[in-house]
Amino acid sequence: EFGSEDIDILPNGLAFISSGLKYPGIKSFAPDKPGEIFLMDLNDDNPRAVELRISRGFDLASFNPHGISTYID
């Protein structure tokens, strides 16, 4: 809804999207909203981004994702 900062697509078609970057000099479309990570299955006929829940104990208020990458073991 407010734009993504980065995306990483796995070989199986799952895409992880970071959103909510706040950086001096860059316009923020939702300055009071914390950052988010979304998952999108590009194999779906009508793919849509679904917000991933982040574990308790994580400081969501200051979450400001810049970039994203995955590691496949």
N, C-alpha and C. Protein backbone atom coordinates (compact mmCIF):
# COMPACT_ATOMS: atom_id res chain seq x y z
N GLU A 1 0.81 -1.19 0.00
CA GLU A 1 0.00 0.00 0.00
C GLU A 1 0.86 1.26 0.00
N PHE A 2 2.00 1.23 0.71
CA PHE A 2 2.85 2.42 0.81
C PHE A 2 4.16 2.25 0.05
N GLY A 3 4.29 1.19 -0.73
CA GLY A 3 5.50 0.97 -1.49
C GLY A 3 6.46 0.03 -0.78
N SER A 4 7.26 -0.65 -1.56
CA SER A 4 8.23 -1.58 -0.97
C SER A 4 9.63 -1.01 -1.11
N GLU A 5 10.52 -1.49 -0.25
CA GLU A 5 11.91 -1.04 -0.30
C GLU A 5 12.77 -2.05 -1.06
N ASP A 6 12.50 -3.34 -0.87
CA ASP A 6 13.30 -4.36 -1.53
C ASP A 6 12.48 -5.64 -1.65
N ILE A 7 12.93 -6.54 -2.52
CA ILE A 7 12.25 -7.81 -2.72
C ILE A 7 13.30 -8.89 -2.98
N ASP A 8 13.05 -10.09 -2.47
CA ASP A 8 13.91 -11.24 -2.75
C ASP A 8 13.00 -12.40 -3.13
N ILE A 9 13.24 -12.99 -4.28
CA ILE A 9 12.39 -14.07 -4.79
C ILE A 9 13.15 -15.38 -4.73
N LEU A 10 12.54 -16.37 -4.05
CA LEU A 10 13.14 -17.70 -3.94
C LEU A 10 12.90 -18.49 -5.22
N PRO A 11 13.70 -19.52 -5.47
CA PRO A 11 13.52 -20.35 -6.67
C PRO A 11 12.12 -20.98 -6.77
N ASN A 12 11.45 -21.19 -5.62
CA ASN A 12 10.11 -21.81 -5.64
C ASN A 12 8.99 -20.80 -5.90
N GLY A 13 9.34 -19.53 -6.12
CA GLY A 13 8.33 -18.53 -6.45
C GLY A 13 7.81 -17.72 -5.28
N LEU A 14 8.31 -17.97 -4.07
CA LEU A 14 7.91 -17.15 -2.92
C LEU A 14 8.74 -15.88 -2.91
N ALA A 15 8.07 -14.75 -2.73
CA ALA A 15 8.74 -13.46 -2.71
C ALA A 15 8.59 -12.83 -1.33
N PHE A 16 9.71 -12.37 -0.77
CA PHE A 16 9.70 -11.64 0.50
C PHE A 16 9.93 -10.17 0.17
N ILE A 17 9.10 -9.31 0.72
CA ILE A 17 9.12 -7.88 0.40
C ILE A 17 9.27 -7.08 1.68
N SER A 18 10.25 -6.18 1.70
CA SER A 18 10.39 -5.28 2.85
C SER A 18 9.74 -3.95 2.51
N SER A 19 9.12 -3.35 3.51
CA SER A 19 8.39 -2.10 3.29
C SER A 19 8.50 -1.23 4.54
N GLY A 20 8.48 0.07 4.35
CA GLY A 20 8.44 0.97 5.49
C GLY A 20 9.74 1.67 5.78
N LEU A 21 10.65 1.74 4.82
CA LEU A 21 11.92 2.43 5.06
C LEU A 21 11.68 3.90 5.34
N LYS A 22 12.29 4.37 6.40
CA LYS A 22 12.27 5.80 6.72
C LYS A 22 13.71 6.26 6.75
N TYR A 23 14.03 7.20 5.88
CA TYR A 23 15.40 7.66 5.72
C TYR A 23 15.39 9.16 5.52
N PRO A 24 16.28 9.90 6.17
CA PRO A 24 16.29 11.35 6.02
C PRO A 24 16.39 11.77 4.55
N GLY A 25 15.53 12.66 4.16
CA GLY A 25 15.53 13.17 2.79
C GLY A 25 14.67 12.38 1.82
N ILE A 26 14.14 11.24 2.25
CA ILE A 26 13.26 10.44 1.40
C ILE A 26 11.85 10.54 1.95
N LYS A 27 10.89 10.85 1.07
CA LYS A 27 9.51 10.98 1.50
C LYS A 27 8.99 9.65 2.04
N SER A 28 8.33 9.69 3.19
CA SER A 28 7.70 8.52 3.77
C SER A 28 6.19 8.67 3.62
N PHE A 29 5.54 7.68 3.04
CA PHE A 29 4.10 7.74 2.82
C PHE A 29 3.31 7.38 4.07
N ALA A 30 3.98 6.79 5.05
CA ALA A 30 3.34 6.43 6.32
C ALA A 30 4.35 6.63 7.44
N PRO A 31 4.68 7.88 7.78
CA PRO A 31 5.76 8.13 8.73
C PRO A 31 5.53 7.58 10.13
N ASP A 32 4.28 7.37 10.53
CA ASP A 32 4.00 6.86 11.87
C ASP A 32 3.79 5.36 11.92
N LYS A 33 3.88 4.69 10.77
CA LYS A 33 3.64 3.25 10.71
C LYS A 33 4.98 2.51 10.71
N PRO A 34 5.11 1.46 11.55
CA PRO A 34 6.37 0.71 11.54
C PRO A 34 6.56 -0.07 10.24
N GLY A 35 7.79 -0.49 10.00
CA GLY A 35 8.08 -1.28 8.81
C GLY A 35 7.41 -2.64 8.86
N GLU A 36 7.37 -3.29 7.70
CA GLU A 36 6.71 -4.60 7.59
C GLU A 36 7.47 -5.49 6.62
N ILE A 37 7.25 -6.79 6.75
CA ILE A 37 7.73 -7.78 5.79
C ILE A 37 6.50 -8.50 5.25
N PHE A 38 6.43 -8.62 3.93
CA PHE A 38 5.31 -9.29 3.27
C PHE A 38 5.80 -10.53 2.55
N LEU A 39 4.89 -11.47 2.34
CA LEU A 39 5.16 -12.67 1.57
C LEU A 39 4.17 -12.72 0.42
N MET A 40 4.66 -13.05 -0.77
CA MET A 40 3.79 -13.18 -1.93
C MET A 40 4.17 -14.46 -2.67
N ASP A 41 3.18 -15.29 -2.98
CA ASP A 41 3.43 -16.51 -3.75
C ASP A 41 3.16 -16.20 -5.21
N LEU A 42 4.22 -16.09 -5.99
CA LEU A 42 4.10 -15.72 -7.39
C LEU A 42 3.56 -16.86 -8.25
N ASN A 43 3.36 -18.04 -7.65
CA ASN A 43 2.75 -19.16 -8.38
C ASN A 43 1.23 -19.07 -8.39
N ASP A 44 0.66 -18.28 -7.52
CA ASP A 44 -0.80 -18.12 -7.46
C ASP A 44 -1.31 -17.43 -8.71
N ASP A 45 -2.54 -17.76 -9.10
CA ASP A 45 -3.16 -17.10 -10.24
C ASP A 45 -3.37 -15.61 -10.00
N ASN A 46 -3.65 -15.26 -8.75
CA ASN A 46 -3.87 -13.87 -8.37
C ASN A 46 -3.01 -13.57 -7.13
N PRO A 47 -1.70 -13.41 -7.32
CA PRO A 47 -0.83 -13.23 -6.14
C PRO A 47 -1.14 -11.94 -5.38
N ARG A 48 -1.06 -12.05 -4.06
CA ARG A 48 -1.27 -10.86 -3.22
C ARG A 48 -0.28 -10.90 -2.08
N ALA A 49 0.14 -9.74 -1.65
CA ALA A 49 1.10 -9.63 -0.55
C ALA A 49 0.37 -9.82 0.77
N VAL A 50 0.92 -10.69 1.62
CA VAL A 50 0.36 -10.96 2.94
C VAL A 50 1.41 -10.56 3.98
N GLU A 51 1.00 -9.73 4.93
CA GLU A 51 1.93 -9.29 5.97
C GLU A 51 2.31 -10.46 6.86
N LEU A 52 3.61 -10.61 7.11
CA LEU A 52 4.08 -11.65 8.02
C LEU A 52 4.08 -11.11 9.44
N ARG A 53 3.66 -11.93 10.37
CA ARG A 53 3.70 -11.55 11.79
C ARG A 53 5.11 -11.70 12.30
N ILE A 54 5.54 -10.75 13.08
CA ILE A 54 6.88 -10.77 13.64
C ILE A 54 6.78 -11.18 15.10
N SER A 55 7.71 -12.03 15.53
CA SER A 55 7.69 -12.60 16.88
C SER A 55 7.59 -11.56 17.98
N ARG A 56 7.00 -11.98 19.09
CA ARG A 56 6.94 -11.13 20.28
C ARG A 56 8.34 -10.81 20.76
N GLY A 57 8.46 -9.68 21.44
CA GLY A 57 9.75 -9.28 21.97
C GLY A 57 10.57 -8.46 20.98
N PHE A 58 10.10 -8.36 19.77
CA PHE A 58 10.78 -7.57 18.75
C PHE A 58 10.25 -6.14 18.80
N ASP A 59 11.13 -5.16 18.72
CA ASP A 59 10.71 -3.76 18.81
C ASP A 59 10.10 -3.32 17.47
N LEU A 60 8.81 -3.56 17.31
CA LEU A 60 8.13 -3.22 16.06
C LEU A 60 8.06 -1.71 15.84
N ALA A 61 7.96 -0.95 16.91
CA ALA A 61 7.80 0.51 16.78
C ALA A 61 8.98 1.14 16.03
N SER A 62 10.16 0.57 16.18
CA SER A 62 11.32 1.15 15.51
C SER A 62 11.79 0.32 14.31
N PHE A 63 10.99 -0.66 13.89
CA PHE A 63 11.35 -1.51 12.76
C PHE A 63 11.38 -0.67 11.48
N ASN A 64 12.54 -0.63 10.85
CA ASN A 64 12.77 0.22 9.69
C ASN A 64 13.59 -0.57 8.67
N PRO A 65 12.96 -1.57 8.00
CA PRO A 65 13.73 -2.47 7.16
C PRO A 65 14.35 -1.77 5.95
N HIS A 66 15.63 -2.07 5.73
CA HIS A 66 16.33 -1.55 4.57
C HIS A 66 17.00 -2.73 3.88
N GLY A 67 16.37 -3.22 2.83
CA GLY A 67 16.88 -4.38 2.12
C GLY A 67 16.32 -5.66 2.71
N ILE A 68 16.51 -6.73 1.97
CA ILE A 68 16.11 -8.07 2.45
C ILE A 68 16.88 -9.09 1.62
N SER A 69 17.24 -10.18 2.24
CA SER A 69 17.88 -11.28 1.53
C SER A 69 17.50 -12.57 2.23
N THR A 70 17.65 -13.67 1.52
CA THR A 70 17.32 -14.97 2.07
C THR A 70 18.53 -15.89 1.96
N TYR A 71 18.53 -16.90 2.81
CA TYR A 71 19.57 -17.91 2.79
C TYR A 71 18.90 -19.26 2.68
N ILE A 72 19.27 -20.04 1.70
CA ILE A 72 18.72 -21.38 1.52
C ILE A 72 19.79 -22.39 1.93
N ASP A 73 19.42 -23.25 2.90
CA ASP A 73 20.36 -24.25 3.39
C ASP A 73 20.02 -25.59 2.80
